[in-house]
Amino acid sequence: MEPAQMKITQTQLHGTPSNSPLARVLARTFTRTSALAAARLQVFWRSIIWTSLVRRAGRKRTTLSVCETAALGDRRFISVIQFERQRFLIGSSPSSITLLSKLPDESSSGEVTGKASGEKIDAGLA
């Protein structure tokens, strides 16, 4: 065999040269797709872990509870949290949890003290 016949080009080994436009597009697409899949998987696992922790905490402590939750979109929520007789309005996002307001205490009969029923509670939101 002649030496010229024994040469194998990079294209023959790998299918497409690494500097071809097709290879660059495929690499970018793969990178974006895998990053998106990793982000979705991370959100999924965080939600499973959070749900598991909330369920365990709910079983162990009857004094701490989530009374109500409202979704605001884009993984943002506001919730009324009750600890013993104290109630708090909190806001949560993927990166933080913020105390918005301390709400009036709840009496042992289930009535809210400090506000007339049906009256709006100012949550400090503008």
Protein backbone atom coordinates (compact mmCIF):
# COMPACT_ATOMS: atom_id res chain seq x y z
CA MET A 1 0.00 0.00 0.00
CA GLU A 2 1.11 3.49 -0.70
CA PRO A 3 1.37 6.05 2.15
CA ALA A 4 -1.18 8.29 0.43
CA GLN A 5 -3.79 5.53 0.61
CA MET A 6 -3.20 4.93 4.34
CA LYS A 7 -4.01 8.48 5.41
CA ILE A 8 -7.36 8.74 7.10
CA THR A 9 -8.85 12.18 7.41
CA GLN A 10 -10.54 13.57 10.49
CA THR A 11 -13.84 13.59 8.62
CA GLN A 12 -13.60 9.85 7.97
CA LEU A 13 -12.95 9.13 11.66
CA HIS A 14 -15.56 11.35 13.28
CA GLY A 15 -18.10 11.95 10.54
CA THR A 16 -17.87 15.76 10.53
CA PRO A 17 -14.92 18.01 11.21
CA SER A 18 -15.05 19.70 14.62
CA ASN A 19 -14.87 23.17 13.13
CA SER A 20 -17.79 22.67 10.72
CA PRO A 21 -20.94 24.80 11.16
CA LEU A 22 -23.03 21.67 11.68
CA ALA A 23 -20.79 20.47 14.52
CA ARG A 24 -20.98 23.88 16.21
CA VAL A 25 -24.78 23.99 15.95
CA LEU A 26 -25.07 20.45 17.30
CA ALA A 27 -22.73 21.26 20.20
CA ARG A 28 -24.70 24.43 21.07
CA THR A 29 -28.02 22.58 20.85
CA PHE A 30 -26.75 19.74 23.04
CA THR A 31 -25.39 22.21 25.61
CA ARG A 32 -28.64 24.17 25.78
CA THR A 33 -30.78 21.04 25.96
CA SER A 34 -28.70 19.44 28.68
CA ALA A 35 -28.64 22.69 30.71
CA LEU A 36 -32.42 22.98 30.47
CA ALA A 37 -32.88 19.34 31.45
CA ALA A 38 -30.54 19.79 34.44
CA ALA A 39 -32.45 22.89 35.58
CA ARG A 40 -35.80 21.10 35.33
CA LEU A 41 -34.44 18.10 37.20
CA GLN A 42 -33.10 20.37 39.93
CA VAL A 43 -36.50 22.07 40.37
CA PHE A 44 -38.21 18.68 40.41
CA TRP A 45 -35.91 17.29 43.13
CA ARG A 46 -36.18 20.47 45.21
CA SER A 47 -39.98 20.24 45.12
CA ILE A 48 -39.88 16.57 46.16
CA ILE A 49 -37.48 17.30 49.01
CA TRP A 50 -39.52 20.34 50.14
CA THR A 51 -42.76 18.37 50.08
CA SER A 52 -41.14 15.57 52.07
CA LEU A 53 -39.78 17.99 54.68
CA VAL A 54 -43.12 19.79 55.04
CA ARG A 55 -44.95 16.50 55.48
CA ARG A 56 -42.49 15.31 58.13
CA ALA A 57 -42.61 18.63 59.96
CA GLY A 58 -46.41 18.56 59.85
CA ARG A 59 -46.48 15.14 61.49
CA LYS A 60 -44.04 16.01 64.25
CA ARG A 61 -45.31 19.49 65.11
CA THR A 62 -48.97 20.24 65.30
CA THR A 63 -48.22 23.82 66.39
CA LEU A 64 -46.78 24.83 62.97
CA SER A 65 -49.04 24.84 59.93
CA VAL A 66 -49.59 26.46 56.55
CA CYS A 67 -53.10 27.93 56.74
CA GLU A 68 -53.39 29.23 53.18
CA THR A 69 -51.19 29.62 50.10
CA ALA A 70 -51.73 31.65 46.94
CA ALA A 71 -49.61 31.24 43.82
CA LEU A 72 -48.48 34.47 42.19
CA GLY A 73 -46.89 32.84 39.14
CA ASP A 74 -43.28 32.23 38.18
CA ARG A 75 -42.77 29.96 41.26
CA ARG A 76 -43.70 32.77 43.67
CA PHE A 77 -46.18 32.32 46.51
CA ILE A 78 -47.65 34.10 49.49
CA SER A 79 -48.66 32.03 52.49
CA VAL A 80 -50.23 32.43 55.90
CA ILE A 81 -48.18 30.43 58.40
CA GLN A 82 -49.42 29.71 61.90
CA PHE A 83 -47.18 28.84 64.83
CA GLU A 84 -49.17 28.07 67.96
CA ARG A 85 -51.50 31.14 68.07
CA GLN A 86 -49.29 33.51 66.04
CA ARG A 87 -49.88 34.03 62.33
CA PHE A 88 -47.48 35.40 59.70
CA LEU A 89 -47.83 36.43 56.06
CA ILE A 90 -44.76 35.36 54.11
CA GLY A 91 -43.72 35.66 50.48
CA SER A 92 -41.51 33.08 48.84
CA SER A 93 -39.63 32.84 45.56
CA PRO A 94 -37.08 30.33 44.30
CA SER A 95 -34.27 32.29 45.93
CA SER A 96 -35.77 33.76 49.12
CA ILE A 97 -38.46 33.76 51.79
CA THR A 98 -39.60 37.11 53.20
CA LEU A 99 -41.75 38.00 56.20
CA LEU A 100 -44.33 40.44 54.83
CA SER A 101 -46.41 40.99 57.94
CA LYS A 102 -47.26 39.62 61.37
CA LEU A 103 -51.00 39.01 61.35
CA PRO A 104 -53.32 39.30 64.37
CA ASP A 105 -53.23 36.31 66.73
CA GLU A 106 -55.90 33.65 66.54
CA SER A 107 -57.81 32.93 69.75
CA SER A 108 -58.42 29.38 70.96
CA SER A 109 -62.01 29.48 69.63
CA GLY A 110 -60.71 30.07 66.09
CA GLU A 111 -61.67 33.75 65.91
CA VAL A 112 -59.18 36.38 64.82
CA THR A 113 -58.47 38.97 67.50
CA GLY A 114 -57.66 42.58 66.72
CA LYS A 115 -59.72 42.87 63.51
CA ALA A 116 -63.41 42.75 62.73
CA SER A 117 -64.40 39.86 60.53
CA GLY A 118 -64.59 40.76 56.87
CA GLU A 119 -62.16 43.65 57.26
CA LYS A 120 -59.13 43.63 54.99
CA ILE A 121 -55.78 43.00 56.66
CA ASP A 122 -53.02 45.28 55.37
CA ALA A 123 -50.17 43.02 54.33
CA GLY A 124 -47.76 45.86 53.65
CA LEU A 125 -47.90 45.26 49.92
CA ALA A 126 -48.00 48.28 47.65
